[in-house]
């Protein structure tokens, strides 16, 4: 297998463990409206499809209508604006792995279904402004993962063929995204979803620690 010319990463559940802050922000929104809180363990299955889907899944089924969902998204954002770095931290070994890939001259990017307005400042807060060559969060004009549009945009910016890129993620959505774009799909076992889900959706490689990515070079 030829070494990837670029590594593109998912953010939540791959580079950073952000679940506690996401959960608390959603639950505060639910508190404000008098709805029951969601269990912390449920959020591993709720995240990954963008904010609207997250909020929809958190709301009681009886009130899930579009106007309310959009309103609650804004209320969730207001809480997350305050809480996003309360407990969120990079996973062990991520900083060292990224620094080594950067030192080798490999192009690095982030593509997340998290809103662009959070993805960019959060990535730069935890990893600085020099590690990643380009960062893309979810934007209304670009289809979310697993649609391949973001991959082609990223590859063009990085100046590499999309098929020469590896995509590293923790969910079936991420692996389907890699497959749809023709990228090497690398699943991480430390994230929010199971290894079985990663394999079912086309993961070509599974890694159990960030340093294992360095052996693919």
C-alpha atoms as a PDB file:
ATOM      1  CA  UNK A   1       0.000   0.000   0.000  1.00  0.00           C
ATOM      2  CA  UNK A   2       1.586   3.329  -1.027  1.00  0.00           C
ATOM      3  CA  UNK A   3       2.050   5.888   1.722  1.00  0.00           C
ATOM      4  CA  UNK A   4      -0.720   8.528   1.774  1.00  0.00           C
ATOM      5  CA  UNK A   5       0.326  11.980   0.606  1.00  0.00           C
ATOM      6  CA  UNK A   6      -2.215  13.561   2.941  1.00  0.00           C
ATOM      7  CA  UNK A   7      -3.956  12.573   6.153  1.00  0.00           C
ATOM      8  CA  UNK A   8      -7.380  14.091   6.720  1.00  0.00           C
ATOM      9  CA  UNK A   9      -8.984  13.693  10.127  1.00  0.00           C
ATOM     10  CA  UNK A  10     -12.419  13.725  11.618  1.00  0.00           C
ATOM     11  CA  UNK A  11     -12.511  15.893  14.754  1.00  0.00           C
ATOM     12  CA  UNK A  12     -14.897  14.638  17.465  1.00  0.00           C
ATOM     13  CA  UNK A  13     -14.087  11.134  18.612  1.00  0.00           C
ATOM     14  CA  UNK A  14     -10.922  11.030  16.504  1.00  0.00           C
ATOM     15  CA  UNK A  15      -8.675  13.935  17.468  1.00  0.00           C
ATOM     16  CA  UNK A  16     -10.568  15.132  20.545  1.00  0.00           C
ATOM     17  CA  UNK A  17     -12.794  13.582  23.199  1.00  0.00           C
ATOM     18  CA  UNK A  18     -15.577  16.161  23.180  1.00  0.00           C
ATOM     19  CA  UNK A  19     -18.546  14.044  24.232  1.00  0.00           C
ATOM     20  CA  UNK A  20     -18.980  15.400  27.768  1.00  0.00           C
ATOM     21  CA  UNK A  21     -19.207  19.030  26.639  1.00  0.00           C
ATOM     22  CA  UNK A  22     -21.577  18.194  23.777  1.00  0.00           C
ATOM     23  CA  UNK A  23     -23.787  16.202  26.153  1.00  0.00           C
ATOM     24  CA  UNK A  24     -23.891  18.895  28.804  1.00  0.00           C
ATOM     25  CA  UNK A  25     -24.710  21.591  26.238  1.00  0.00           C
ATOM     26  CA  UNK A  26     -27.581  19.545  24.828  1.00  0.00           C
ATOM     27  CA  UNK A  27     -28.870  18.701  28.289  1.00  0.00           C
ATOM     28  CA  UNK A  28     -28.823  22.337  29.380  1.00  0.00           C
ATOM     29  CA  UNK A  29     -30.919  23.166  26.310  1.00  0.00           C
ATOM     30  CA  UNK A  30     -33.331  20.406  27.316  1.00  0.00           C
ATOM     31  CA  UNK A  31     -33.357  21.682  30.924  1.00  0.00           C
ATOM     32  CA  UNK A  32     -34.287  25.161  29.722  1.00  0.00           C
ATOM     33  CA  UNK A  33     -37.327  23.731  27.944  1.00  0.00           C
ATOM     34  CA  UNK A  34     -38.378  21.337  30.657  1.00  0.00           C
ATOM     35  CA  UNK A  35     -37.605  18.232  28.601  1.00  0.00           C
ATOM     36  CA  UNK A  36     -35.911  15.160  30.113  1.00  0.00           C
ATOM     37  CA  UNK A  37     -32.132  14.961  29.886  1.00  0.00           C
ATOM     38  CA  UNK A  38     -30.445  12.397  27.649  1.00  0.00           C
ATOM     39  CA  UNK A  39     -28.185   9.806  29.236  1.00  0.00           C
ATOM     40  CA  UNK A  40     -24.466  10.554  28.741  1.00  0.00           C
ATOM     41  CA  UNK A  41     -23.847   7.122  27.205  1.00  0.00           C
ATOM     42  CA  UNK A  42     -26.498   7.733  24.536  1.00  0.00           C
ATOM     43  CA  UNK A  43     -24.516  10.554  22.939  1.00  0.00           C
ATOM     44  CA  UNK A  44     -22.024   8.180  21.322  1.00  0.00           C
ATOM     45  CA  UNK A  45     -24.787   7.155  18.927  1.00  0.00           C
ATOM     46  CA  UNK A  46     -26.377  10.610  18.640  1.00  0.00           C
ATOM     47  CA  UNK A  47     -23.413  12.599  17.313  1.00  0.00           C
ATOM     48  CA  UNK A  48     -21.810  12.548  13.883  1.00  0.00           C
ATOM     49  CA  UNK A  49     -24.526  13.852  11.554  1.00  0.00           C
ATOM     50  CA  UNK A  50     -24.336  17.551  12.364  1.00  0.00           C
ATOM     51  CA  UNK A  51     -26.104  19.754  14.899  1.00  0.00           C
ATOM     52  CA  UNK A  52     -29.638  19.521  13.530  1.00  0.00           C
ATOM     53  CA  UNK A  53     -29.660  15.721  13.686  1.00  0.00           C
ATOM     54  CA  UNK A  54     -28.093  15.786  17.150  1.00  0.00           C
ATOM     55  CA  UNK A  55     -30.766  18.138  18.463  1.00  0.00           C
ATOM     56  CA  UNK A  56     -33.541  16.196  16.729  1.00  0.00           C
ATOM     57  CA  UNK A  57     -32.391  12.956  18.375  1.00  0.00           C
ATOM     58  CA  UNK A  58     -32.163  14.642  21.792  1.00  0.00           C
ATOM     59  CA  UNK A  59     -35.688  16.080  21.729  1.00  0.00           C
ATOM     60  CA  UNK A  60     -38.692  13.992  22.793  1.00  0.00           C
ATOM     61  CA  UNK A  61     -40.228  12.320  19.745  1.00  0.00           C
ATOM     62  CA  UNK A  62     -43.536  14.113  20.268  1.00  0.00           C
ATOM     63  CA  UNK A  63     -42.025  17.571  19.663  1.00  0.00           C
ATOM     64  CA  UNK A  64     -39.637  16.838  16.791  1.00  0.00           C
ATOM     65  CA  UNK A  65     -40.842  19.311  14.198  1.00  0.00           C
ATOM     66  CA  UNK A  66     -38.602  21.414  11.993  1.00  0.00           C
ATOM     67  CA  UNK A  67     -39.259  24.871  13.413  1.00  0.00           C
ATOM     68  CA  UNK A  68     -38.612  23.764  16.987  1.00  0.00           C
ATOM     69  CA  UNK A  69     -35.519  21.792  16.004  1.00  0.00           C
ATOM     70  CA  UNK A  70     -33.984  24.856  14.342  1.00  0.00           C
ATOM     71  CA  UNK A  71     -34.785  27.001  17.384  1.00  0.00           C
ATOM     72  CA  UNK A  72     -33.259  24.416  19.712  1.00  0.00           C
ATOM     73  CA  UNK A  73     -30.135  24.231  17.547  1.00  0.00           C
ATOM     74  CA  UNK A  74     -29.542  27.921  18.261  1.00  0.00           C
ATOM     75  CA  UNK A  75     -30.138  27.359  21.973  1.00  0.00           C
ATOM     76  CA  UNK A  76     -27.710  24.422  21.952  1.00  0.00           C
ATOM     77  CA  UNK A  77     -25.098  26.538  20.144  1.00  0.00           C
ATOM     78  CA  UNK A  78     -25.404  29.236  22.815  1.00  0.00           C
ATOM     79  CA  UNK A  79     -24.593  26.702  25.521  1.00  0.00           C
ATOM     80  CA  UNK A  80     -21.829  25.080  23.485  1.00  0.00           C
ATOM     81  CA  UNK A  81     -20.236  28.489  22.876  1.00  0.00           C
ATOM     82  CA  UNK A  82     -19.577  28.565  26.620  1.00  0.00           C
ATOM     83  CA  UNK A  83     -18.861  24.902  27.324  1.00  0.00           C
ATOM     84  CA  UNK A  84     -16.924  23.571  24.313  1.00  0.00           C
ATOM     85  CA  UNK A  85     -13.561  23.437  26.106  1.00  0.00           C
ATOM     86  CA  UNK A  86     -14.716  22.735  29.657  1.00  0.00           C
ATOM     87  CA  UNK A  87     -13.825  19.019  29.550  1.00  0.00           C
ATOM     88  CA  UNK A  88     -12.804  18.444  25.921  1.00  0.00           C
ATOM     89  CA  UNK A  89      -9.227  17.300  25.396  1.00  0.00           C
ATOM     90  CA  UNK A  90      -7.151  15.691  22.636  1.00  0.00           C
ATOM     91  CA  UNK A  91      -6.773  11.940  22.936  1.00  0.00           C
ATOM     92  CA  UNK A  92      -3.485  10.600  24.268  1.00  0.00           C
ATOM     93  CA  UNK A  93      -0.799  10.461  21.594  1.00  0.00           C
ATOM     94  CA  UNK A  94      -2.557  12.729  19.088  1.00  0.00           C
ATOM     95  CA  UNK A  95      -0.196  15.686  19.443  1.00  0.00           C
ATOM     96  CA  UNK A  96       2.893  13.519  19.007  1.00  0.00           C
ATOM     97  CA  UNK A  97       1.456  11.703  15.985  1.00  0.00           C
ATOM     98  CA  UNK A  98       0.491  14.949  14.233  1.00  0.00           C
ATOM     99  CA  UNK A  99       3.882  16.528  14.947  1.00  0.00           C
ATOM    100  CA  UNK A 100       5.682  13.539  13.436  1.00  0.00           C
ATOM    101  CA  UNK A 101       3.496  13.479  10.314  1.00  0.00           C
ATOM    102  CA  UNK A 102       4.059  17.225   9.896  1.00  0.00           C
ATOM    103  CA  UNK A 103       7.820  16.759  10.271  1.00  0.00           C
ATOM    104  CA  UNK A 104       7.700  14.174   7.480  1.00  0.00           C
ATOM    105  CA  UNK A 105       6.128  16.726   5.148  1.00  0.00           C
ATOM    106  CA  UNK A 106       2.742  15.026   4.943  1.00  0.00           C
ATOM    107  CA  UNK A 107      -0.242  17.296   4.203  1.00  0.00           C
ATOM    108  CA  UNK A 108      -2.756  17.413   7.071  1.00  0.00           C
ATOM    109  CA  UNK A 109      -6.415  18.426   7.113  1.00  0.00           C
ATOM    110  CA  UNK A 110      -9.614  18.220   9.136  1.00  0.00           C
ATOM    111  CA  UNK A 111     -13.104  17.554   7.769  1.00  0.00           C
ATOM    112  CA  UNK A 112     -15.904  17.440  10.325  1.00  0.00           C
ATOM    113  CA  UNK A 113     -19.698  17.406  10.342  1.00  0.00           C
ATOM    114  CA  UNK A 114     -19.438  19.794  13.290  1.00  0.00           C
ATOM    115  CA  UNK A 115     -20.417  23.317  12.262  1.00  0.00           C
ATOM    116  CA  UNK A 116     -17.554  25.215  10.593  1.00  0.00           C
ATOM    117  CA  UNK A 117     -17.873  28.015  13.170  1.00  0.00           C
ATOM    118  CA  UNK A 118     -16.870  25.538  15.883  1.00  0.00           C
ATOM    119  CA  UNK A 119     -14.566  23.240  13.906  1.00  0.00           C
ATOM    120  CA  UNK A 120     -11.984  25.873  12.981  1.00  0.00           C
ATOM    121  CA  UNK A 121     -11.522  27.604  16.359  1.00  0.00           C
ATOM    122  CA  UNK A 122     -11.648  24.322  18.274  1.00  0.00           C
ATOM    123  CA  UNK A 123      -9.026  22.692  16.059  1.00  0.00           C
ATOM    124  CA  UNK A 124      -6.781  25.740  16.317  1.00  0.00           C
ATOM    125  CA  UNK A 125      -7.300  25.963  20.092  1.00  0.00           C
ATOM    126  CA  UNK A 126      -6.191  22.393  20.712  1.00  0.00           C
ATOM    127  CA  UNK A 127      -3.567  22.046  17.965  1.00  0.00           C
ATOM    128  CA  UNK A 128      -2.442  25.563  17.049  1.00  0.00           C
ATOM    129  CA  UNK A 129      -2.485  27.188  13.631  1.00  0.00           C
ATOM    130  CA  UNK A 130       0.606  25.541  12.133  1.00  0.00           C
ATOM    131  CA  UNK A 131      -0.245  21.822  12.138  1.00  0.00           C
ATOM    132  CA  UNK A 132      -3.187  21.607   9.739  1.00  0.00           C
ATOM    133  CA  UNK A 133      -2.978  22.875   6.184  1.00  0.00           C
ATOM    134  CA  UNK A 134      -6.749  23.238   5.875  1.00  0.00           C
ATOM    135  CA  UNK A 135      -9.799  22.827   8.131  1.00  0.00           C
ATOM    136  CA  UNK A 136     -13.375  22.291   6.968  1.00  0.00           C
ATOM    137  CA  UNK A 137     -16.434  22.069   9.181  1.00  0.00           C
ATOM    138  CA  UNK A 138     -20.019  21.619   8.086  1.00  0.00           C
ATOM    139  CA  UNK A 139     -21.335  24.480   5.965  1.00  0.00           C
ATOM    140  CA  UNK A 140     -24.868  24.804   4.584  1.00  0.00           C
ATOM    141  CA  UNK A 141     -23.695  24.994   0.979  1.00  0.00           C
ATOM    142  CA  UNK A 142     -21.693  21.745   1.121  1.00  0.00           C
ATOM    143  CA  UNK A 143     -23.312  18.329   1.714  1.00  0.00           C
ATOM    144  CA  UNK A 144     -22.305  16.634   4.945  1.00  0.00           C
ATOM    145  CA  UNK A 145     -20.257  13.451   5.151  1.00  0.00           C
ATOM    146  CA  UNK A 146     -20.618  10.786   3.805  1.00  0.00           C
ATOM    147  CA  UNK A 147     -21.118  12.859   0.625  1.00  0.00           C
ATOM    148  CA  UNK A 148     -17.685  13.150  -1.008  1.00  0.00           C
ATOM    149  CA  UNK A 149     -17.875  16.877  -1.824  1.00  0.00           C
ATOM    150  CA  UNK A 150     -15.762  17.969   1.143  1.00  0.00           C
ATOM    151  CA  UNK A 151     -13.063  15.440   0.276  1.00  0.00           C
ATOM    152  CA  UNK A 152     -12.687  16.776  -3.242  1.00  0.00           C
ATOM    153  CA  UNK A 153     -12.584  20.348  -1.940  1.00  0.00           C
ATOM    154  CA  UNK A 154      -9.898  19.437   0.584  1.00  0.00           C
ATOM    155  CA  UNK A 155      -7.790  17.526  -1.945  1.00  0.00           C
ATOM    156  CA  UNK A 156      -7.877  20.481  -4.327  1.00  0.00           C
ATOM    157  CA  UNK A 157      -6.708  22.867  -1.597  1.00  0.00           C
ATOM    158  CA  UNK A 158      -3.933  20.502  -0.512  1.00  0.00           C
ATOM    159  CA  UNK A 159      -2.838  19.961  -4.107  1.00  0.00           C
ATOM    160  CA  UNK A 160      -3.070  16.165  -4.029  1.00  0.00           C
ATOM    161  CA  UNK A 161      -5.283  13.619  -5.738  1.00  0.00           C
ATOM    162  CA  UNK A 162      -8.149  12.554  -3.500  1.00  0.00           C
ATOM    163  CA  UNK A 163      -7.167   8.913  -4.009  1.00  0.00           C
ATOM    164  CA  UNK A 164      -3.763   9.701  -2.465  1.00  0.00           C
ATOM    165  CA  UNK A 165      -5.434  10.802   0.784  1.00  0.00           C
ATOM    166  CA  UNK A 166      -6.229   8.811   3.904  1.00  0.00           C
ATOM    167  CA  UNK A 167      -9.268   9.706   5.985  1.00  0.00           C
ATOM    168  CA  UNK A 168      -9.080   8.915   9.687  1.00  0.00           C
ATOM    169  CA  UNK A 169     -12.322   8.689  11.654  1.00  0.00           C
ATOM    170  CA  UNK A 170     -14.256   6.905  14.367  1.00  0.00           C
ATOM    171  CA  UNK A 171     -17.662   6.234  12.779  1.00  0.00           C
ATOM    172  CA  UNK A 172     -19.393   4.399   9.984  1.00  0.00           C
ATOM    173  CA  UNK A 173     -20.175   7.785   8.436  1.00  0.00           C
ATOM    174  CA  UNK A 174     -16.444   8.510   8.277  1.00  0.00           C
ATOM    175  CA  UNK A 175     -15.641   5.185   6.628  1.00  0.00           C
ATOM    176  CA  UNK A 176     -18.472   5.601   4.110  1.00  0.00           C
ATOM    177  CA  UNK A 177     -17.137   9.095   3.391  1.00  0.00           C
ATOM    178  CA  UNK A 178     -13.666   7.711   2.699  1.00  0.00           C
ATOM    179  CA  UNK A 179     -15.100   5.000   0.451  1.00  0.00           C
ATOM    180  CA  UNK A 180     -17.300   7.428  -1.478  1.00  0.00           C
ATOM    181  CA  UNK A 181     -14.324   9.699  -2.150  1.00  0.00           C
ATOM    182  CA  UNK A 182     -11.838   6.945  -2.991  1.00  0.00           C
ATOM    183  CA  UNK A 183      -9.687   7.685   0.048  1.00  0.00           C
ATOM    184  CA  UNK A 184      -8.015   5.116   2.277  1.00  0.00           C
ATOM    185  CA  UNK A 185     -10.411   4.640   5.199  1.00  0.00           C
ATOM    186  CA  UNK A 186      -8.680   4.328   8.563  1.00  0.00           C
ATOM    187  CA  UNK A 187     -10.880   3.637  11.572  1.00  0.00           C
ATOM    188  CA  UNK A 188      -9.809   4.456  15.130  1.00  0.00           C
ATOM    189  CA  UNK A 189     -10.900   2.194  17.973  1.00  0.00           C
ATOM    190  CA  UNK A 190     -10.669   4.868  20.695  1.00  0.00           C
ATOM    191  CA  UNK A 191     -13.596   6.972  19.467  1.00  0.00           C
ATOM    192  CA  UNK A 192     -17.349   7.050  19.933  1.00  0.00           C
ATOM    193  CA  UNK A 193     -18.347   4.051  17.788  1.00  0.00           C
ATOM    194  CA  UNK A 194     -17.475   0.364  17.669  1.00  0.00           C
ATOM    195  CA  UNK A 195     -14.829  -1.376  15.602  1.00  0.00           C
ATOM    196  CA  UNK A 196     -17.632  -3.526  14.177  1.00  0.00           C
ATOM    197  CA  UNK A 197     -19.368  -0.424  12.832  1.00  0.00           C
ATOM    198  CA  UNK A 198     -16.130   0.802  11.265  1.00  0.00           C
ATOM    199  CA  UNK A 199     -15.558  -2.519   9.502  1.00  0.00           C
ATOM    200  CA  UNK A 200     -19.172  -2.797   8.353  1.00  0.00           C
ATOM    201  CA  UNK A 201     -18.859   0.573   6.608  1.00  0.00           C
ATOM    202  CA  UNK A 202     -15.632  -0.189   4.799  1.00  0.00           C
ATOM    203  CA  UNK A 203     -12.686   0.589   7.066  1.00  0.00           C
ATOM    204  CA  UNK A 204      -9.560  -0.672   5.315  1.00  0.00           C
ATOM    205  CA  UNK A 205      -7.333  -0.229   8.364  1.00  0.00           C
ATOM    206  CA  UNK A 206      -8.132  -0.162  12.100  1.00  0.00           C
ATOM    207  CA  UNK A 207      -5.702   1.479  14.535  1.00  0.00           C
ATOM    208  CA  UNK A 208      -5.782   1.230  18.319  1.00  0.00           C
ATOM    209  CA  UNK A 209      -3.381   4.093  19.109  1.00  0.00           C
ATOM    210  CA  UNK A 210      -2.413   7.256  17.190  1.00  0.00           C
ATOM    211  CA  UNK A 211       1.219   6.128  16.887  1.00  0.00           C
ATOM    212  CA  UNK A 212       0.091   3.252  14.654  1.00  0.00           C
ATOM    213  CA  UNK A 213      -0.634   5.788  11.926  1.00  0.00           C
ATOM    214  CA  UNK A 214       3.078   6.480  11.742  1.00  0.00           C
ATOM    215  CA  UNK A 215       3.788   2.894  10.693  1.00  0.00           C
ATOM    216  CA  UNK A 216       1.678   3.350   7.550  1.00  0.00           C
ATOM    217  CA  UNK A 217       4.158   5.868   6.255  1.00  0.00           C
END
